[in-house]
Amino acid sequence: EALRGLDVVAQLRLRFRRSGGAISLESGGEFKFRLDAAHRPDRVNQKQQLPIHGTIAELMILANQCVAQATLHTHPTSALLRRHEQP
C-alpha cells in the first residue's frame, strides 16, 4: 500500500514537471553482460525495466530538488545551483 502511495506521488510529480517543460532523458535500458572463461562478453541481455524504476527515478529527482532548495535557502549568497535553458 505504501508503494502505491509513492507511485501516485511520483506520477503527479512527473506530470507537474512535464507541464513545466521537463524533457524525458530515458535511455534504452540497462544491459547485463555474461563473460566467457577469457572474460570476454559472450552474451548480452537487456534488463527488464519495471514500473517501480520510474517511481524511484522520479522520487530521486524530487529529493535533488529539495536539497537544492534547502541549499539555496541556507546559503543564498554562496549556493551554486545549475539552471538549465528553457526547452
PDB file of N, CA and C in Angstrom:
ATOM      1  N   GLU A   1       0.828  -1.198   0.000  1.00  0.00           N
ATOM      2  CA  GLU A   1       0.000   0.000   0.000  1.00  0.00           C
ATOM      3  C   GLU A   1       0.871   1.260   0.000  1.00  0.00           C
ATOM      4  N   ALA A   2       1.944   1.253   0.770  1.00  0.00           N
ATOM      5  CA  ALA A   2       2.824   2.422   0.819  1.00  0.00           C
ATOM      6  C   ALA A   2       3.473   2.668  -0.538  1.00  0.00           C
ATOM      7  N   LEU A   3       3.833   1.600  -1.246  1.00  0.00           N
ATOM      8  CA  LEU A   3       4.437   1.761  -2.572  1.00  0.00           C
ATOM      9  C   LEU A   3       3.450   2.357  -3.562  1.00  0.00           C
ATOM     10  N   ARG A   4       2.184   2.004  -3.450  1.00  0.00           N
ATOM     11  CA  ARG A   4       1.172   2.593  -4.331  1.00  0.00           C
ATOM     12  C   ARG A   4       1.071   4.090  -4.084  1.00  0.00           C
ATOM     13  N   GLY A   5       1.140   4.481  -2.827  1.00  0.00           N
ATOM     14  CA  GLY A   5       1.099   5.905  -2.497  1.00  0.00           C
ATOM     15  C   GLY A   5       2.294   6.648  -3.074  1.00  0.00           C
ATOM     16  N   LEU A   6       3.474   6.040  -2.972  1.00  0.00           N
ATOM     17  CA  LEU A   6       4.666   6.660  -3.543  1.00  0.00           C
ATOM     18  C   LEU A   6       4.570   6.742  -5.066  1.00  0.00           C
ATOM     19  N   ASP A   7       3.987   5.726  -5.682  1.00  0.00           N
ATOM     20  CA  ASP A   7       3.817   5.745  -7.132  1.00  0.00           C
ATOM     21  C   ASP A   7       2.879   6.875  -7.546  1.00  0.00           C
ATOM     22  N   VAL A   8       1.818   7.091  -6.782  1.00  0.00           N
ATOM     23  CA  VAL A   8       0.892   8.184  -7.079  1.00  0.00           C
ATOM     24  C   VAL A   8       1.625   9.522  -6.982  1.00  0.00           C
ATOM     25  N   VAL A   9       2.404   9.707  -5.935  1.00  0.00           N
ATOM     26  CA  VAL A   9       3.183  10.941  -5.771  1.00  0.00           C
ATOM     27  C   VAL A   9       4.139  11.116  -6.949  1.00  0.00           C
ATOM     28  N   ALA A  10       4.823  10.052  -7.327  1.00  0.00           N
ATOM     29  CA  ALA A  10       5.788  10.122  -8.430  1.00  0.00           C
ATOM     30  C   ALA A  10       5.095  10.488  -9.741  1.00  0.00           C
ATOM     31  N   GLN A  11       3.940   9.901 -10.003  1.00  0.00           N
ATOM     32  CA  GLN A  11       3.216  10.204 -11.241  1.00  0.00           C
ATOM     33  C   GLN A  11       2.732  11.653 -11.264  1.00  0.00           C
ATOM     34  N   LEU A  12       2.273  12.149 -10.122  1.00  0.00           N
ATOM     35  CA  LEU A  12       1.857  13.557 -10.040  1.00  0.00           C
ATOM     36  C   LEU A  12       3.046  14.488 -10.272  1.00  0.00           C
ATOM     37  N   ARG A  13       4.182  14.163  -9.676  1.00  0.00           N
ATOM     38  CA  ARG A  13       5.392  14.977  -9.867  1.00  0.00           C
ATOM     39  C   ARG A  13       5.835  14.963 -11.324  1.00  0.00           C
ATOM     40  N   LEU A  14       5.770  13.794 -11.969  1.00  0.00           N
ATOM     41  CA  LEU A  14       6.164  13.689 -13.371  1.00  0.00           C
ATOM     42  C   LEU A  14       5.264  14.558 -14.243  1.00  0.00           C
ATOM     43  N   ARG A  15       3.960  14.496 -14.025  1.00  0.00           N
ATOM     44  CA  ARG A  15       3.040  15.346 -14.792  1.00  0.00           C
ATOM     45  C   ARG A  15       3.322  16.819 -14.553  1.00  0.00           C
ATOM     46  N   PHE A  16       3.585  17.176 -13.299  1.00  0.00           N
ATOM     47  CA  PHE A  16       3.898  18.564 -12.960  1.00  0.00           C
ATOM     48  C   PHE A  16       5.177  19.025 -13.665  1.00  0.00           C
ATOM     49  N   ARG A  17       6.219  18.191 -13.634  1.00  0.00           N
ATOM     50  CA  ARG A  17       7.482  18.552 -14.277  1.00  0.00           C
ATOM     51  C   ARG A  17       7.313  18.675 -15.782  1.00  0.00           C
ATOM     52  N   ARG A  18       6.590  17.748 -16.383  1.00  0.00           N
ATOM     53  CA  ARG A  18       6.385  17.804 -17.838  1.00  0.00           C
ATOM     54  C   ARG A  18       5.565  19.014 -18.237  1.00  0.00           C
ATOM     55  N   SER A  19       4.591  19.392 -17.409  1.00  0.00           N
ATOM     56  CA  SER A  19       3.799  20.588 -17.729  1.00  0.00           C
ATOM     57  C   SER A  19       4.653  21.847 -17.645  1.00  0.00           C
ATOM     58  N   GLY A  20       5.757  21.778 -16.906  1.00  0.00           N
ATOM     59  CA  GLY A  20       6.684  22.902 -16.800  1.00  0.00           C
ATOM     60  C   GLY A  20       7.796  22.857 -17.832  1.00  0.00           C
ATOM     61  N   GLY A  21       7.739  21.890 -18.757  1.00  0.00           N
ATOM     62  CA  GLY A  21       8.722  21.831 -19.826  1.00  0.00           C
ATOM     63  C   GLY A  21       9.820  20.800 -19.647  1.00  0.00           C
ATOM     64  N   ALA A  22       9.728  19.950 -18.630  1.00  0.00           N
ATOM     65  CA  ALA A  22      10.760  18.919 -18.428  1.00  0.00           C
ATOM     66  C   ALA A  22      10.777  17.966 -19.614  1.00  0.00           C
ATOM     67  N   ILE A  23      11.963  17.511 -19.959  1.00  0.00           N
ATOM     68  CA  ILE A  23      12.091  16.546 -21.045  1.00  0.00           C
ATOM     69  C   ILE A  23      12.415  15.178 -20.472  1.00  0.00           C
ATOM     70  N   SER A  24      12.173  14.154 -21.254  1.00  0.00           N
ATOM     71  CA  SER A  24      12.472  12.794 -20.835  1.00  0.00           C
ATOM     72  C   SER A  24      13.833  12.394 -21.374  1.00  0.00           C
ATOM     73  N   LEU A  25      14.693  11.933 -20.501  1.00  0.00           N
ATOM     74  CA  LEU A  25      16.025  11.508 -20.896  1.00  0.00           C
ATOM     75  C   LEU A  25      16.194  10.009 -20.720  1.00  0.00           C
ATOM     76  N   GLU A  26      15.110   9.278 -20.862  1.00  0.00           N
ATOM     77  CA  GLU A  26      15.167   7.833 -20.670  1.00  0.00           C
ATOM     78  C   GLU A  26      16.079   7.201 -21.705  1.00  0.00           C
ATOM     79  N   SER A  27      16.904   6.301 -21.228  1.00  0.00           N
ATOM     80  CA  SER A  27      17.776   5.567 -22.140  1.00  0.00           C
ATOM     81  C   SER A  27      17.054   4.304 -22.594  1.00  0.00           C
ATOM     82  N   GLY A  28      17.703   3.530 -23.402  1.00  0.00           N
ATOM     83  CA  GLY A  28      17.114   2.295 -23.888  1.00  0.00           C
ATOM     84  C   GLY A  28      17.112   1.202 -22.847  1.00  0.00           C
ATOM     85  N   GLY A  29      17.550   1.486 -21.663  1.00  0.00           N
ATOM     86  CA  GLY A  29      17.566   0.490 -20.617  1.00  0.00           C
ATOM     87  C   GLY A  29      18.974   0.133 -20.194  1.00  0.00           C
ATOM     88  N   GLU A  30      19.043  -0.841 -19.347  1.00  0.00           N
ATOM     89  CA  GLU A  30      20.323  -1.288 -18.806  1.00  0.00           C
ATOM     90  C   GLU A  30      20.631  -2.678 -19.373  1.00  0.00           C
ATOM     91  N   PHE A  31      21.900  -2.932 -19.596  1.00  0.00           N
ATOM     92  CA  PHE A  31      22.301  -4.202 -20.184  1.00  0.00           C
ATOM     93  C   PHE A  31      23.143  -5.003 -19.206  1.00  0.00           C
ATOM     94  N   LYS A  32      23.010  -6.325 -19.307  1.00  0.00           N
ATOM     95  CA  LYS A  32      23.784  -7.233 -18.473  1.00  0.00           C
ATOM     96  C   LYS A  32      24.605  -8.122 -19.409  1.00  0.00           C
ATOM     97  N   PHE A  33      25.908  -8.185 -19.142  1.00  0.00           N
ATOM     98  CA  PHE A  33      26.812  -8.961 -19.985  1.00  0.00           C
ATOM     99  C   PHE A  33      27.244 -10.236 -19.265  1.00  0.00           C
ATOM    100  N   ARG A  34      27.292 -11.330 -20.001  1.00  0.00           N
ATOM    101  CA  ARG A  34      27.851 -12.565 -19.485  1.00  0.00           C
ATOM    102  C   ARG A  34      29.223 -12.732 -20.121  1.00  0.00           C
ATOM    103  N   LEU A  35      30.200 -13.076 -19.309  1.00  0.00           N
ATOM    104  CA  LEU A  35      31.573 -13.216 -19.791  1.00  0.00           C
ATOM    105  C   LEU A  35      31.949 -14.684 -19.921  1.00  0.00           C
ATOM    106  N   ASP A  36      32.795 -14.960 -20.909  1.00  0.00           N
ATOM    107  CA  ASP A  36      33.288 -16.326 -21.065  1.00  0.00           C
ATOM    108  C   ASP A  36      34.504 -16.536 -20.159  1.00  0.00           C
ATOM    109  N   ALA A  37      35.149 -17.680 -20.264  1.00  0.00           N
ATOM    110  CA  ALA A  37      36.290 -18.009 -19.407  1.00  0.00           C
ATOM    111  C   ALA A  37      37.447 -17.033 -19.576  1.00  0.00           C
ATOM    112  N   ALA A  38      37.564 -16.421 -20.747  1.00  0.00           N
ATOM    113  CA  ALA A  38      38.634 -15.439 -21.004  1.00  0.00           C
ATOM    114  C   ALA A  38      38.188 -14.013 -20.646  1.00  0.00           C
ATOM    115  N   HIS A  39      37.049 -13.907 -19.988  1.00  0.00           N
ATOM    116  CA  HIS A  39      36.495 -12.620 -19.543  1.00  0.00           C
ATOM    117  C   HIS A  39      36.097 -11.710 -20.706  1.00  0.00           C
ATOM    118  N   ARG A  40      35.684 -12.341 -21.815  1.00  0.00           N
ATOM    119  CA  ARG A  40      35.158 -11.595 -22.953  1.00  0.00           C
ATOM    120  C   ARG A  40      33.644 -11.769 -22.958  1.00  0.00           C
ATOM    121  N   PRO A  41      32.930 -10.732 -23.335  1.00  0.00           N
ATOM    122  CA  PRO A  41      31.468 -10.866 -23.370  1.00  0.00           C
ATOM    123  C   PRO A  41      31.048 -11.887 -24.421  1.00  0.00           C
ATOM    124  N   ASP A  42      30.181 -12.806 -24.018  1.00  0.00           N
ATOM    125  CA  ASP A  42      29.673 -13.770 -24.987  1.00  0.00           C
ATOM    126  C   ASP A  42      28.147 -13.730 -25.082  1.00  0.00           C
ATOM    127  N   ARG A  43      27.523 -12.941 -24.225  1.00  0.00           N
ATOM    128  CA  ARG A  43      26.071 -12.770 -24.280  1.00  0.00           C
ATOM    129  C   ARG A  43      25.700 -11.442 -23.631  1.00  0.00           C
ATOM    130  N   VAL A  44      24.721 -10.797 -24.212  1.00  0.00           N
ATOM    131  CA  VAL A  44      24.219  -9.552 -23.637  1.00  0.00           C
ATOM    132  C   VAL A  44      22.696  -9.639 -23.587  1.00  0.00           C
ATOM    133  N   ASN A  45      22.142  -9.249 -22.463  1.00  0.00           N
ATOM    134  CA  ASN A  45      20.694  -9.225 -22.263  1.00  0.00           C
ATOM    135  C   ASN A  45      20.296  -7.856 -21.739  1.00  0.00           C
ATOM    136  N   GLN A  46      19.168  -7.387 -22.224  1.00  0.00           N
ATOM    137  CA  GLN A  46      18.652  -6.123 -21.702  1.00  0.00           C
ATOM    138  C   GLN A  46      17.841  -6.422 -20.446  1.00  0.00           C
ATOM    139  N   LYS A  47      18.162  -5.695 -19.382  1.00  0.00           N
ATOM    140  CA  LYS A  47      17.437  -5.897 -18.133  1.00  0.00           C
ATOM    141  C   LYS A  47      16.020  -5.358 -18.282  1.00  0.00           C
ATOM    142  N   GLN A  48      15.098  -6.038 -17.651  1.00  0.00           N
ATOM    143  CA  GLN A  48      13.696  -5.633 -17.715  1.00  0.00           C
ATOM    144  C   GLN A  48      13.484  -4.355 -16.908  1.00  0.00           C
ATOM    145  N   GLN A  49      12.824  -3.382 -17.517  1.00  0.00           N
ATOM    146  CA  GLN A  49      12.501  -2.131 -16.843  1.00  0.00           C
ATOM    147  C   GLN A  49      11.159  -2.313 -16.152  1.00  0.00           C
ATOM    148  N   LEU A  50      11.139  -2.220 -14.840  1.00  0.00           N
ATOM    149  CA  LEU A  50       9.913  -2.388 -14.065  1.00  0.00           C
ATOM    150  C   LEU A  50       9.302  -1.024 -13.763  1.00  0.00           C
ATOM    151  N   PRO A  51       7.990  -0.949 -13.579  1.00  0.00           N
ATOM    152  CA  PRO A  51       7.350   0.337 -13.268  1.00  0.00           C
ATOM    153  C   PRO A  51       7.938   1.020 -12.028  1.00  0.00           C
ATOM    154  N   ILE A  52       8.385   0.245 -11.055  1.00  0.00           N
ATOM    155  CA  ILE A  52       8.940   0.833  -9.839  1.00  0.00           C
ATOM    156  C   ILE A  52      10.210   1.625 -10.134  1.00  0.00           C
ATOM    157  N   HIS A  53      10.928   1.278 -11.204  1.00  0.00           N
ATOM    158  CA  HIS A  53      12.140   2.012 -11.549  1.00  0.00           C
ATOM    159  C   HIS A  53      11.824   3.471 -11.877  1.00  0.00           C
ATOM    160  N   GLY A  54      10.718   3.707 -12.582  1.00  0.00           N
ATOM    161  CA  GLY A  54      10.302   5.078 -12.884  1.00  0.00           C
ATOM    162  C   GLY A  54       9.905   5.826 -11.625  1.00  0.00           C
ATOM    163  N   THR A  55       9.237   5.127 -10.715  1.00  0.00           N
ATOM    164  CA  THR A  55       8.847   5.740  -9.436  1.00  0.00           C
ATOM    165  C   THR A  55      10.086   6.163  -8.658  1.00  0.00           C
ATOM    166  N   ILE A  56      11.060   5.283  -8.587  1.00  0.00           N
ATOM    167  CA  ILE A  56      12.305   5.589  -7.864  1.00  0.00           C
ATOM    168  C   ILE A  56      13.024   6.761  -8.513  1.00  0.00           C
ATOM    169  N   ALA A  57      13.110   6.766  -9.838  1.00  0.00           N
ATOM    170  CA  ALA A  57      13.793   7.859 -10.538  1.00  0.00           C
ATOM    171  C   ALA A  57      13.119   9.194 -10.266  1.00  0.00           C
ATOM    172  N   GLU A  58      11.807   9.213 -10.301  1.00  0.00           N
ATOM    173  CA  GLU A  58      11.075  10.470 -10.074  1.00  0.00           C
ATOM    174  C   GLU A  58      11.258  10.950  -8.640  1.00  0.00           C
ATOM    175  N   LEU A  59      11.257  10.037  -7.677  1.00  0.00           N
ATOM    176  CA  LEU A  59      11.454  10.431  -6.280  1.00  0.00           C
ATOM    177  C   LEU A  59      12.896  10.899  -6.030  1.00  0.00           C
ATOM    178  N   MET A  60      13.851  10.359  -6.780  1.00  0.00           N
ATOM    179  CA  MET A  60      15.233  10.844  -6.666  1.00  0.00           C
ATOM    180  C   MET A  60      15.343  12.284  -7.197  1.00  0.00           C
ATOM    181  N   ILE A  61      14.632  12.585  -8.280  1.00  0.00           N
ATOM    182  CA  ILE A  61      14.611  13.952  -8.797  1.00  0.00           C
ATOM    183  C   ILE A  61      14.008  14.884  -7.755  1.00  0.00           C
ATOM    184  N   LEU A  62      12.925  14.470  -7.131  1.00  0.00           N
ATOM    185  CA  LEU A  62      12.292  15.272  -6.083  1.00  0.00           C
ATOM    186  C   LEU A  62      13.254  15.517  -4.928  1.00  0.00           C
ATOM    187  N   ALA A  63      13.977  14.484  -4.520  1.00  0.00           N
ATOM    188  CA  ALA A  63      14.949  14.639  -3.430  1.00  0.00           C
ATOM    189  C   ALA A  63      16.038  15.636  -3.820  1.00  0.00           C
ATOM    190  N   ASN A  64      16.523  15.566  -5.049  1.00  0.00           N
ATOM    191  CA  ASN A  64      17.537  16.512  -5.511  1.00  0.00           C
ATOM    192  C   ASN A  64      17.010  17.936  -5.514  1.00  0.00           C
ATOM    193  N   GLN A  65      15.764  18.125  -5.928  1.00  0.00           N
ATOM    194  CA  GLN A  65      15.171  19.461  -5.922  1.00  0.00           C
ATOM    195  C   GLN A  65      15.036  20.000  -4.501  1.00  0.00           C
ATOM    196  N   CYS A  66      14.661  19.142  -3.569  1.00  0.00           N
ATOM    197  CA  CYS A  66      14.533  19.558  -2.168  1.00  0.00           C
ATOM    198  C   CYS A  66      15.883  19.977  -1.593  1.00  0.00           C
ATOM    199  N   VAL A  67      16.918  19.225  -1.890  1.00  0.00           N
ATOM    200  CA  VAL A  67      18.262  19.570  -1.411  1.00  0.00           C
ATOM    201  C   VAL A  67      18.710  20.896  -2.012  1.00  0.00           C
ATOM    202  N   ALA A  68      18.443  21.103  -3.296  1.00  0.00           N
ATOM    203  CA  ALA A  68      18.827  22.367  -3.941  1.00  0.00           C
ATOM    204  C   ALA A  68      18.102  23.542  -3.309  1.00  0.00           C
ATOM    205  N   GLN A  69      16.821  23.392  -3.038  1.00  0.00           N
ATOM    206  CA  GLN A  69      16.061  24.476  -2.404  1.00  0.00           C
ATOM    207  C   GLN A  69      16.569  24.753  -0.994  1.00  0.00           C
ATOM    208  N   ALA A  70      16.869  23.708  -0.236  1.00  0.00           N
ATOM    209  CA  ALA A  70      17.387  23.887   1.123  1.00  0.00           C
ATOM    210  C   ALA A  70      18.758  24.551   1.088  1.00  0.00           C
ATOM    211  N   THR A  71      19.588  24.157   0.132  1.00  0.00           N
ATOM    212  CA  THR A  71      20.920  24.762  -0.005  1.00  0.00           C
ATOM    213  C   THR A  71      20.791  26.241  -0.325  1.00  0.00           C
ATOM    214  N   LEU A  72      19.923  26.584  -1.263  1.00  0.00           N
ATOM    215  CA  LEU A  72      19.724  27.981  -1.631  1.00  0.00           C
ATOM    216  C   LEU A  72      19.175  28.785  -0.452  1.00  0.00           C
ATOM    217  N   HIS A  73      18.261  28.193   0.311  1.00  0.00           N
ATOM    218  CA  HIS A  73      17.685  28.882   1.465  1.00  0.00           C
ATOM    219  C   HIS A  73      18.732  29.104   2.557  1.00  0.00           C
ATOM    220  N   THR A  74      19.580  28.112   2.792  1.00  0.00           N
ATOM    221  CA  THR A  74      20.585  28.174   3.846  1.00  0.00           C
ATOM    222  C   THR A  74      21.768  29.055   3.456  1.00  0.00           C
ATOM    223  N   HIS A  75      22.147  29.027   2.190  1.00  0.00           N
ATOM    224  CA  HIS A  75      23.314  29.771   1.700  1.00  0.00           C
ATOM    225  C   HIS A  75      22.934  30.606   0.479  1.00  0.00           C
ATOM    226  N   PRO A  76      22.063  31.615   0.648  1.00  0.00           N
ATOM    227  CA  PRO A  76      21.544  32.334  -0.520  1.00  0.00           C
ATOM    228  C   PRO A  76      22.603  33.106  -1.311  1.00  0.00           C
ATOM    229  N   THR A  77      23.678  33.488  -0.682  1.00  0.00           N
ATOM    230  CA  THR A  77      24.680  34.278  -1.407  1.00  0.00           C
ATOM    231  C   THR A  77      25.833  33.446  -1.934  1.00  0.00           C
ATOM    232  N   SER A  78      25.918  32.193  -1.511  1.00  0.00           N
ATOM    233  CA  SER A  78      27.054  31.393  -1.955  1.00  0.00           C
ATOM    234  C   SER A  78      26.674  30.051  -2.573  1.00  0.00           C
ATOM    235  N   ALA A  79      25.381  29.760  -2.657  1.00  0.00           N
ATOM    236  CA  ALA A  79      24.961  28.488  -3.255  1.00  0.00           C
ATOM    237  C   ALA A  79      25.175  28.539  -4.760  1.00  0.00           C
ATOM    238  N   LEU A  80      25.749  27.503  -5.292  1.00  0.00           N
ATOM    239  CA  LEU A  80      25.980  27.392  -6.720  1.00  0.00           C
ATOM    240  C   LEU A  80      25.006  26.344  -7.262  1.00  0.00           C
ATOM    241  N   LEU A  81      23.989  26.801  -7.956  1.00  0.00           N
ATOM    242  CA  LEU A  81      22.986  25.901  -8.497  1.00  0.00           C
ATOM    243  C   LEU A  81      23.002  26.001 -10.022  1.00  0.00           C
ATOM    244  N   ARG A  82      22.835  24.880 -10.671  1.00  0.00           N
ATOM    245  CA  ARG A  82      22.830  24.856 -12.130  1.00  0.00           C
ATOM    246  C   ARG A  82      21.398  25.089 -12.626  1.00  0.00           C
ATOM    247  N   ARG A  83      21.267  26.000 -13.550  1.00  0.00           N
ATOM    248  CA  ARG A  83      19.963  26.258 -14.171  1.00  0.00           C
ATOM    249  C   ARG A  83      20.049  25.881 -15.634  1.00  0.00           C
ATOM    250  N   HIS A  84      19.038  25.168 -16.104  1.00  0.00           N
ATOM    251  CA  HIS A  84      19.008  24.744 -17.489  1.00  0.00           C
ATOM    252  C   HIS A  84      18.251  25.764 -18.330  1.00  0.00           C
ATOM    253  N   GLU A  85      18.631  25.870 -19.608  1.00  0.00           N
ATOM    254  CA  GLU A  85      17.922  26.735 -20.520  1.00  0.00           C
ATOM    255  C   GLU A  85      16.527  26.187 -20.738  1.00  0.00           C
ATOM    256  N   GLN A  86      15.611  27.065 -21.131  1.00  0.00           N
ATOM    257  CA  GLN A  86      14.257  26.642 -21.457  1.00  0.00           C
ATOM    258  C   GLN A  86      14.299  25.702 -22.660  1.00  0.00           C
ATOM    259  N   PRO A  87      13.474  24.664 -22.665  1.00  0.00           N
ATOM    260  CA  PRO A  87      13.447  23.750 -23.824  1.00  0.00           C
ATOM    261  C   PRO A  87      12.913  24.443 -25.070  1.00  0.00           C
TER     262      PRO A  87
END
